[in-house]
Amino acid sequence: MFAYYLKLGWLSIRGNPWLSLLMVAAIGVGIGACMTILTVNYTMSGNPIPHKSDRLFHVQLDSWDANDPGEDGFQPPDQVTYTDALALKRAAPAFRQVASNRSGLVLEPEGDDERPFTVDVRNTWADFFPMFEPPFLYGGGWDASADESREPVVVLGRELNERVFGGEDSVGRTVRMNGLNFRVVGVIDEWQPVPKFYDVTNGPFNSTEEAFIPFTLAVEQELPRNGNTNCWKSPEGDGFQAFLASECVWIQYWAELRNDAERAEFHQWLDNYVMEQKELGRFPRPVNNRLLDVMQWMEDQEVVEDDAQVMLGLSVLFLVVCLLNTIGLLLAKFMRKTGEISVRRALGARRGDLFRQHMVEAGLIGLGGGILGLGLTWLGLRGIEALFGEFVENLVGLDWVMMLTAIGLAIVSALVAGLYPTWRATQVMPASQLKAQ
């Protein structure tokens, strides 16, 4: 019977193409507007590392000024000082842990015709790679001994490797940045976690870095920093060493803790460490250490901003308005068929049969609206990309989940819109209609 209903629905749509196109357009426009915003919100709020997001914890220590409550009146800074990062790395009981920050270095190509260019670099520790699991195209990350010996090694991103080495396996070759020769130990394949959870502070939707080098080497060589830096008091002295010893926060710190026991042990170590530092005159505020896993950290940092939620609500309301128009059009279409419906009733068709027939027709209109809505969604995402450029390039992809969601939402919306018109049409008394004809 379903195939028969499909045939009848298609014949009905073809019999009144302009009215059918109006309904498809109404649903398509509503779906396009709603799915454009929904896709952006879906990407922004996704889990960037779902298989271990509950084992990776962002570390916060409240080292701020006693007379300044810091962010939101009670939250500790979202980064840590160099002093604290070093103490954590040396003694904190974590399965893995990593300190990192952004840097910008000048790469000097080998060819005389090539001009130097700036490279976005992340200074980090060896644990970064097994913790956050970027996929490797060639080679791998460096080991802990390279951190300790401040070895000039580098892991390249795929695009940088293509630009410098033509995409070849460059492991063992050398790149020169800021006057230092770095030996390539690995090349990362395409990798863009969204949000970029390991450094929300410097942009949750920024592109991943083009190269990765040891944090210890960056400190020893006093390489420049490109990331966010906040200080509640000026460094006591001049120069880089004074900055390292200051209360300036500029390092993102993460720990991998495999179970509740490891988390409790690590948190207790943080509390003990802060109490020891208090005796040295640091940490003037009450103890307020925090360990938030990936998704808790995304929520805490409001990665999905309130404006985006408001826009999503408005887009849903717009879809509702489009569906109200569709209800009116369906009602007009179905009520014009009362004569046909009465004849079928007189020939023995039940109300349930007629109801299912017209709901299938509404579903076909929804399917057409969903296909149109997909095209409008793609255009909407391209418009956002053209308007905001590189700031949203990682948010405007349309994956198969969103495609199926668009089609499903359109069909469900059309079925909901078709409930009342279909019910009204099936309540027509056959006798009155047949007598009038």
Protein backbone atom coordinates (compact mmCIF):
# COMPACT_ATOMS: atom_id res chain seq x y z
CA MET A 1 0.00 0.00 0.00
CA PHE A 2 2.84 2.38 0.76
CA ALA A 3 4.01 2.24 -2.87
CA TYR A 4 0.43 2.94 -3.97
CA TYR A 5 0.26 5.95 -1.64
CA LEU A 6 3.56 7.19 -3.04
CA LYS A 7 2.15 6.97 -6.56
CA LEU A 8 -1.01 8.86 -5.58
CA GLY A 9 1.00 11.49 -3.73
CA TRP A 10 3.30 12.05 -6.69
CA LEU A 11 0.33 12.34 -9.07
CA SER A 12 -1.28 14.87 -6.73
CA ILE A 13 1.92 16.94 -6.59
CA ARG A 14 2.21 16.89 -10.39
CA GLY A 15 -1.44 17.81 -10.72
CA ASN A 16 -0.88 21.13 -8.92
CA PRO A 17 2.83 21.88 -9.42
CA TRP A 18 2.88 25.57 -8.50
CA LEU A 19 1.17 25.11 -5.16
CA SER A 20 3.43 22.13 -4.46
CA LEU A 21 6.51 24.18 -5.33
CA LEU A 22 5.38 26.91 -2.94
CA MET A 23 5.18 24.37 -0.12
CA VAL A 24 8.56 22.86 -1.01
CA ALA A 25 10.06 26.37 -1.07
CA ALA A 26 8.51 27.29 2.30
CA ILE A 27 9.91 24.18 3.96
CA GLY A 28 13.26 24.46 2.13
CA VAL A 29 13.83 28.07 3.21
CA GLY A 30 12.98 27.24 6.83
CA ILE A 31 15.22 24.17 6.82
CA GLY A 32 18.06 26.09 5.16
CA ALA A 33 18.01 28.87 7.76
CA CYS A 34 17.65 26.49 10.69
CA MET A 35 20.29 24.00 9.51
CA THR A 36 22.83 26.73 8.74
CA ILE A 37 22.84 27.87 12.36
CA LEU A 38 22.38 24.34 13.71
CA THR A 39 25.42 23.11 11.76
CA VAL A 40 27.62 25.86 13.21
CA ASN A 41 26.36 25.13 16.74
CA TYR A 42 26.79 21.38 16.21
CA THR A 43 30.40 21.85 15.16
CA MET A 44 31.14 24.29 17.98
CA SER A 45 29.73 22.00 20.66
CA GLY A 46 31.12 18.70 19.37
CA ASN A 47 33.39 16.39 21.35
CA PRO A 48 36.85 16.80 19.75
CA ILE A 49 38.30 13.61 21.23
CA PRO A 50 35.33 11.44 22.28
CA HIS A 51 37.16 8.22 23.13
CA LYS A 52 39.21 9.82 25.93
CA SER A 53 37.68 13.23 26.67
CA ASP A 54 36.81 12.05 30.18
CA ARG A 55 40.48 11.24 30.89
CA LEU A 56 42.06 14.52 29.81
CA PHE A 57 41.93 17.31 32.39
CA HIS A 58 42.73 20.99 32.12
CA VAL A 59 44.63 22.24 35.19
CA GLN A 60 43.85 25.55 36.92
CA LEU A 61 45.64 27.04 39.93
CA ASP A 62 44.38 30.22 41.60
CA SER A 63 47.66 32.10 41.80
CA TRP A 64 45.98 35.48 41.28
CA ASP A 65 46.03 38.69 43.33
CA ALA A 66 44.23 38.53 46.69
CA ASN A 67 42.61 41.91 45.97
CA ASP A 68 41.49 40.95 42.47
CA PRO A 69 39.04 38.05 42.19
CA GLY A 70 40.04 37.43 38.58
CA GLU A 71 37.59 36.01 36.04
CA ASP A 72 33.89 36.02 36.97
CA GLY A 73 34.68 36.78 40.59
CA PHE A 74 35.83 33.30 41.61
CA GLN A 75 37.40 31.38 38.72
CA PRO A 76 41.14 30.78 38.76
CA PRO A 77 43.18 31.83 35.70
CA ASP A 78 42.83 29.57 32.67
CA GLN A 79 46.63 29.33 32.31
CA VAL A 80 49.52 28.75 34.70
CA THR A 81 52.86 30.40 35.41
CA TYR A 82 56.18 28.96 34.30
CA THR A 83 57.13 28.26 37.94
CA ASP A 84 54.00 26.18 38.49
CA ALA A 85 54.22 24.40 35.13
CA LEU A 86 57.78 23.34 35.90
CA ALA A 87 56.84 22.11 39.39
CA LEU A 88 53.90 20.13 38.02
CA LYS A 89 55.97 18.50 35.29
CA ARG A 90 58.67 17.50 37.74
CA ALA A 91 56.60 16.03 40.55
CA ALA A 92 52.85 15.83 39.91
CA PRO A 93 51.54 12.22 39.85
CA ALA A 94 49.91 12.01 36.43
CA PHE A 95 49.95 9.23 33.84
CA ARG A 96 50.84 11.88 31.28
CA GLN A 97 50.98 15.66 31.47
CA VAL A 98 51.94 18.47 29.17
CA ALA A 99 52.61 22.19 29.27
CA SER A 100 52.43 24.15 26.03
CA ASN A 101 52.16 27.61 24.53
CA ARG A 102 52.00 29.28 21.13
CA SER A 103 54.96 30.75 19.32
CA GLY A 104 55.73 32.27 15.96
CA LEU A 105 59.07 31.51 14.31
CA VAL A 106 60.56 32.56 11.01
CA LEU A 107 61.40 29.64 8.72
CA GLU A 108 64.32 30.16 6.36
CA PRO A 109 63.91 28.00 3.20
CA GLU A 110 66.97 26.40 1.65
CA GLY A 111 66.44 27.83 -1.83
CA ASP A 112 67.90 31.25 -2.57
CA ASP A 113 64.73 32.23 -4.38
CA GLU A 114 62.50 31.42 -1.43
CA ARG A 115 61.74 34.16 1.06
CA PRO A 116 61.54 33.48 4.82
CA PHE A 117 58.03 33.20 6.21
CA THR A 118 56.43 33.04 9.64
CA VAL A 119 55.31 29.67 11.01
CA ASP A 120 52.72 29.13 13.73
CA VAL A 121 54.47 26.91 16.26
CA ARG A 122 53.45 25.11 19.46
CA ASN A 123 56.07 24.69 22.15
CA THR A 124 55.21 21.53 24.05
CA TRP A 125 56.40 18.31 25.70
CA ALA A 126 56.75 14.80 24.33
CA ASP A 127 53.52 13.70 26.05
CA PHE A 128 51.52 16.02 23.78
CA PHE A 129 51.41 13.43 20.99
CA PRO A 130 50.24 10.33 22.90
CA MET A 131 47.83 12.48 24.95
CA PHE A 132 46.05 14.29 22.12
CA GLU A 133 46.74 11.65 19.44
CA PRO A 134 47.35 13.62 16.24
CA PRO A 135 47.62 11.20 13.28
CA PHE A 136 51.12 10.86 11.84
CA LEU A 137 51.85 10.71 8.14
CA TYR A 138 55.58 10.05 8.65
CA GLY A 139 57.64 9.35 11.74
CA GLY A 140 56.30 10.32 15.15
CA GLY A 141 56.83 12.61 18.11
CA TRP A 142 60.02 13.00 20.08
CA ASP A 143 60.65 11.23 23.40
CA ALA A 144 61.19 12.55 26.94
CA SER A 145 64.97 12.52 26.53
CA ALA A 146 64.67 15.19 23.83
CA ASP A 147 62.79 17.37 26.32
CA GLU A 148 65.46 16.90 28.97
CA SER A 149 68.37 17.55 26.60
CA ARG A 150 66.58 20.44 24.86
CA GLU A 151 67.16 18.76 21.52
CA PRO A 152 66.33 20.86 18.42
CA VAL A 153 63.71 18.54 16.92
CA VAL A 154 60.48 19.41 15.18
CA VAL A 155 57.22 17.79 14.12
CA LEU A 156 55.77 19.38 10.99
CA GLY A 157 52.16 19.72 9.95
CA ARG A 158 51.18 18.27 6.60
CA GLU A 159 50.73 21.63 4.85
CA LEU A 160 54.09 22.95 6.03
CA ASN A 161 55.77 19.71 4.96
CA GLU A 162 54.22 20.07 1.50
CA ARG A 163 55.36 23.68 1.28
CA VAL A 164 58.94 23.00 2.35
CA PHE A 165 59.58 19.42 1.17
CA GLY A 166 56.94 18.92 -1.50
CA GLY A 167 55.02 16.42 0.64
CA GLU A 168 57.87 13.88 0.75
CA ASP A 169 58.90 11.91 3.82
CA SER A 170 61.05 14.57 5.49
CA VAL A 171 61.98 12.63 8.62
CA GLY A 172 65.69 13.17 9.29
CA ARG A 173 65.90 16.34 7.21
CA THR A 174 66.54 19.82 8.59
CA VAL A 175 64.55 23.04 8.69
CA ARG A 176 66.00 26.32 9.91
CA MET A 177 63.84 28.56 12.09
CA ASN A 178 64.97 31.67 13.96
CA GLY A 179 68.58 30.80 13.25
CA LEU A 180 68.34 27.26 14.67
CA ASN A 181 68.53 24.02 12.70
CA PHE A 182 65.70 21.64 13.64
CA ARG A 183 65.75 17.95 12.75
CA VAL A 184 62.39 16.66 11.53
CA VAL A 185 61.22 13.63 13.53
CA GLY A 186 57.63 13.40 12.29
CA VAL A 187 54.95 14.82 10.02
CA ILE A 188 51.35 15.07 11.22
CA ASP A 189 48.58 14.26 8.78
CA GLU A 190 45.44 16.42 8.48
CA TRP A 191 44.40 17.18 12.07
CA GLN A 192 41.91 19.81 13.15
CA PRO A 193 40.10 19.08 16.41
CA VAL A 194 37.01 21.28 16.64
CA PRO A 195 36.96 22.93 19.08
CA LYS A 196 40.74 23.12 19.47
CA PHE A 197 40.33 22.04 23.07
CA TYR A 198 43.99 21.96 24.09
CA ASP A 199 44.25 25.76 23.70
CA VAL A 200 40.85 27.40 24.03
CA THR A 201 42.45 30.54 25.46
CA ASN A 202 44.07 31.48 22.16
CA GLY A 203 41.08 30.59 19.99
CA PRO A 204 38.93 27.44 20.17
CA PHE A 205 38.34 27.48 16.42
CA ASN A 206 41.78 28.51 15.20
CA SER A 207 43.72 26.17 12.97
CA THR A 208 46.18 23.76 14.53
CA GLU A 209 49.80 24.83 14.57
CA GLU A 210 52.08 24.26 11.60
CA ALA A 211 54.98 22.88 13.66
CA PHE A 212 55.71 21.54 17.16
CA ILE A 213 59.01 21.89 19.06
CA PRO A 214 60.19 21.07 22.61
CA PHE A 215 58.98 23.53 25.24
CA THR A 216 62.29 23.29 27.08
CA LEU A 217 64.23 24.32 23.99
CA ALA A 218 61.93 27.28 23.39
CA VAL A 219 62.54 28.50 26.94
CA GLU A 220 66.30 27.97 26.74
CA GLN A 221 66.53 29.86 23.44
CA GLU A 222 64.07 32.55 24.64
CA LEU A 223 61.96 32.09 21.55
CA PRO A 224 59.08 34.55 21.08
CA ARG A 225 55.57 33.90 22.41
CA ASN A 226 52.43 34.55 20.38
CA GLY A 227 49.82 33.44 22.87
CA ASN A 228 47.81 35.16 25.56
CA THR A 229 49.79 36.45 28.57
CA ASN A 230 48.28 37.95 31.76
CA CYS A 231 50.07 39.29 34.84
CA TRP A 232 48.55 40.55 38.07
CA LYS A 233 51.82 42.22 38.98
CA SER A 234 54.93 43.24 37.06
CA PRO A 235 57.95 40.91 36.98
CA GLU A 236 60.55 41.69 39.63
CA GLY A 237 63.37 42.69 37.36
CA ASP A 238 64.14 42.92 33.68
CA GLY A 239 64.78 40.30 31.06
CA PHE A 240 63.45 36.88 30.19
CA GLN A 241 64.50 35.17 33.42
CA ALA A 242 62.58 37.71 35.47
CA PHE A 243 59.53 37.02 33.31
CA LEU A 244 59.87 33.25 33.89
CA ALA A 245 59.98 33.81 37.65
CA SER A 246 56.99 36.17 37.61
CA GLU A 247 53.32 35.59 38.38
CA CYS A 248 52.41 35.93 34.71
CA VAL A 249 50.20 33.15 33.37
CA TRP A 250 50.87 32.10 29.76
CA ILE A 251 51.01 28.29 29.66
CA GLN A 252 48.20 25.82 29.04
CA TYR A 253 48.51 22.73 31.22
CA TRP A 254 46.82 19.33 30.74
CA ALA A 255 47.02 16.02 32.56
CA GLU A 256 45.87 12.56 31.50
CA LEU A 257 44.32 10.74 34.47
CA ARG A 258 42.94 7.31 33.73
CA ASN A 259 40.50 6.85 36.62
CA ASP A 260 38.94 8.51 39.65
CA ALA A 261 41.76 7.38 41.92
CA GLU A 262 44.42 9.05 39.75
CA ARG A 263 42.31 12.20 39.56
CA ALA A 264 41.88 12.33 43.35
CA GLU A 265 45.62 11.78 43.88
CA PHE A 266 46.52 14.50 41.40
CA HIS A 267 44.04 16.96 42.91
CA GLN A 268 45.41 16.27 46.39
CA TRP A 269 48.92 16.92 45.12
CA LEU A 270 47.76 20.26 43.71
CA ASP A 271 46.27 21.25 47.07
CA ASN A 272 49.44 20.26 48.91
CA TYR A 273 51.57 22.14 46.40
CA VAL A 274 49.53 25.32 46.81
CA MET A 275 49.80 25.09 50.61
CA GLU A 276 53.59 24.79 50.31
CA GLN A 277 53.69 27.80 48.01
CA LYS A 278 51.59 29.81 50.45
CA GLU A 279 54.35 29.37 53.03
CA LEU A 280 56.72 30.95 50.49
CA GLY A 281 54.46 33.97 50.10
CA ARG A 282 52.68 32.94 46.89
CA PHE A 283 49.03 32.08 46.22
CA PRO A 284 47.45 34.77 48.43
CA ARG A 285 43.91 33.68 47.55
CA PRO A 286 42.01 30.72 49.07
CA VAL A 287 42.80 27.31 47.62
CA ASN A 288 40.74 26.92 44.44
CA ASN A 289 42.38 24.32 42.24
CA ARG A 290 40.37 22.86 39.38
CA LEU A 291 40.52 19.81 37.15
CA LEU A 292 37.97 19.90 34.32
CA ASP A 293 37.74 17.25 31.63
CA VAL A 294 37.47 18.23 27.96
CA MET A 295 33.72 18.74 27.75
CA GLN A 296 33.52 20.41 31.16
CA TRP A 297 36.28 22.75 30.05
CA MET A 298 34.44 23.58 26.82
CA GLU A 299 31.31 24.40 28.81
CA ASP A 300 33.23 26.39 31.41
CA GLN A 301 34.85 28.50 28.71
CA GLU A 302 31.50 29.00 26.94
CA VAL A 303 32.88 27.81 23.62
CA VAL A 304 29.32 27.94 22.29
CA GLU A 305 28.55 31.59 23.01
CA ASP A 306 25.15 32.88 24.08
CA ASP A 307 24.79 34.77 20.79
CA ALA A 308 25.01 31.49 18.89
CA GLN A 309 22.30 29.97 21.08
CA VAL A 310 20.06 33.00 20.50
CA MET A 311 20.59 32.74 16.74
CA LEU A 312 19.67 29.05 16.88
CA GLY A 313 16.45 29.91 18.72
CA LEU A 314 15.57 32.55 16.15
CA SER A 315 16.22 30.15 13.28
CA VAL A 316 13.89 27.57 14.87
CA LEU A 317 11.19 30.25 15.19
CA PHE A 318 11.68 31.09 11.51
CA LEU A 319 11.20 27.41 10.65
CA VAL A 320 7.97 27.43 12.67
CA VAL A 321 6.73 30.43 10.68
CA CYS A 322 7.53 28.60 7.44
CA LEU A 323 5.62 25.55 8.69
CA LEU A 324 2.58 27.69 9.54
CA ASN A 325 2.59 28.87 5.93
CA THR A 326 2.91 25.28 4.80
CA ILE A 327 -0.09 24.28 6.93
CA GLY A 328 -2.19 26.94 5.18
CA LEU A 329 -1.07 25.81 1.75
CA LEU A 330 -1.67 22.12 2.55
CA LEU A 331 -5.11 22.94 3.93
CA ALA A 332 -6.00 24.79 0.74
CA LYS A 333 -4.66 21.95 -1.41
CA PHE A 334 -6.38 19.13 0.47
CA MET A 335 -9.71 20.92 0.83
CA ARG A 336 -9.79 21.40 -2.95
CA LYS A 337 -9.71 17.61 -3.20
CA THR A 338 -12.87 17.04 -1.15
CA GLY A 339 -14.76 15.82 -4.21
CA GLU A 340 -12.09 13.20 -4.94
CA ILE A 341 -11.98 12.22 -1.27
CA SER A 342 -15.77 11.82 -1.17
CA VAL A 343 -15.73 9.56 -4.22
CA ARG A 344 -13.10 7.34 -2.66
CA ARG A 345 -15.06 7.21 0.60
CA ALA A 346 -18.19 6.24 -1.33
CA LEU A 347 -16.25 3.44 -3.02
CA GLY A 348 -15.25 2.00 0.36
CA ALA A 349 -11.98 3.75 1.32
CA ARG A 350 -11.62 4.20 5.05
CA ARG A 351 -10.67 7.46 6.71
CA GLY A 352 -7.45 5.87 7.92
CA ASP A 353 -6.50 4.96 4.35
CA LEU A 354 -7.12 8.51 3.18
CA PHE A 355 -5.24 9.91 6.15
CA ARG A 356 -2.17 7.79 5.39
CA GLN A 357 -2.36 8.66 1.68
CA HIS A 358 -2.28 12.40 2.33
CA MET A 359 0.39 12.12 5.01
CA VAL A 360 2.59 10.30 2.48
CA GLU A 361 2.00 13.20 0.09
CA ALA A 362 3.03 15.64 2.85
CA GLY A 363 6.13 13.54 3.43
CA LEU A 364 7.06 13.76 -0.26
CA ILE A 365 6.72 17.53 -0.10
CA GLY A 366 8.94 17.47 3.01
CA LEU A 367 11.53 15.38 1.17
CA GLY A 368 11.63 17.96 -1.61
CA GLY A 369 11.90 20.73 0.96
CA GLY A 370 14.76 18.89 2.66
CA ILE A 371 16.72 18.57 -0.58
CA LEU A 372 16.17 22.27 -1.30
CA GLY A 373 17.05 23.07 2.31
CA LEU A 374 20.37 21.21 1.98
CA GLY A 375 21.31 23.40 -0.97
CA LEU A 376 20.31 26.55 0.91
CA THR A 377 22.25 25.35 3.96
CA TRP A 378 25.37 24.93 1.85
CA LEU A 379 24.89 28.44 0.44
CA GLY A 380 24.34 29.81 3.94
CA LEU A 381 27.53 28.22 5.23
CA ARG A 382 29.47 29.58 2.26
CA GLY A 383 28.04 33.01 3.00
CA ILE A 384 29.21 32.81 6.63
CA GLU A 385 32.64 31.69 5.42
CA ALA A 386 32.84 34.61 2.97
CA LEU A 387 31.76 37.05 5.67
CA PHE A 388 34.05 35.92 8.48
CA GLY A 389 36.86 34.22 6.53
CA GLU A 390 39.45 32.16 8.37
CA PHE A 391 37.79 32.75 11.74
CA VAL A 392 35.04 30.26 10.89
CA GLU A 393 36.62 28.02 8.27
CA ASN A 394 36.56 25.07 10.68
CA LEU A 395 32.87 25.56 11.52
CA VAL A 396 31.17 25.57 8.13
CA GLY A 397 31.55 21.97 7.00
CA LEU A 398 28.41 19.96 6.22
CA ASP A 399 28.96 16.33 7.18
CA TRP A 400 26.65 13.36 6.58
CA VAL A 401 25.13 13.65 10.06
CA MET A 402 23.92 17.16 9.32
CA MET A 403 22.73 16.12 5.85
CA LEU A 404 20.61 13.31 7.27
CA THR A 405 19.39 15.64 10.00
CA ALA A 406 18.27 18.19 7.41
CA ILE A 407 16.33 15.60 5.39
CA GLY A 408 14.82 14.04 8.51
CA LEU A 409 13.86 17.40 10.00
CA ALA A 410 12.22 18.47 6.75
CA ILE A 411 10.15 15.27 6.46
CA VAL A 412 9.11 15.36 10.12
CA SER A 413 8.23 19.06 9.83
CA ALA A 414 6.11 18.41 6.74
CA LEU A 415 4.33 15.51 8.46
CA VAL A 416 3.59 17.69 11.50
CA ALA A 417 2.36 20.47 9.20
CA GLY A 418 0.17 17.97 7.36
CA LEU A 419 -1.62 16.60 10.44
CA TYR A 420 -4.36 19.23 10.68
CA PRO A 421 -5.02 19.70 6.95
CA THR A 422 -5.21 15.92 6.49
CA TRP A 423 -7.53 15.50 9.44
CA ARG A 424 -9.82 18.26 8.13
CA ALA A 425 -9.90 16.73 4.66
CA THR A 426 -10.85 13.27 5.97
CA GLN A 427 -13.72 14.66 8.05
CA VAL A 428 -15.65 15.72 4.93
CA MET A 429 -19.05 14.02 4.66
CA PRO A 430 -19.21 12.18 1.32
CA ALA A 431 -22.97 12.58 0.94
CA SER A 432 -22.91 16.39 0.94
CA GLN A 433 -20.07 16.54 -1.56
CA LEU A 434 -21.57 13.99 -3.92
CA LYS A 435 -24.95 15.70 -3.77
CA ALA A 436 -23.39 19.07 -4.60
CA GLN A 437 -21.75 17.54 -7.67
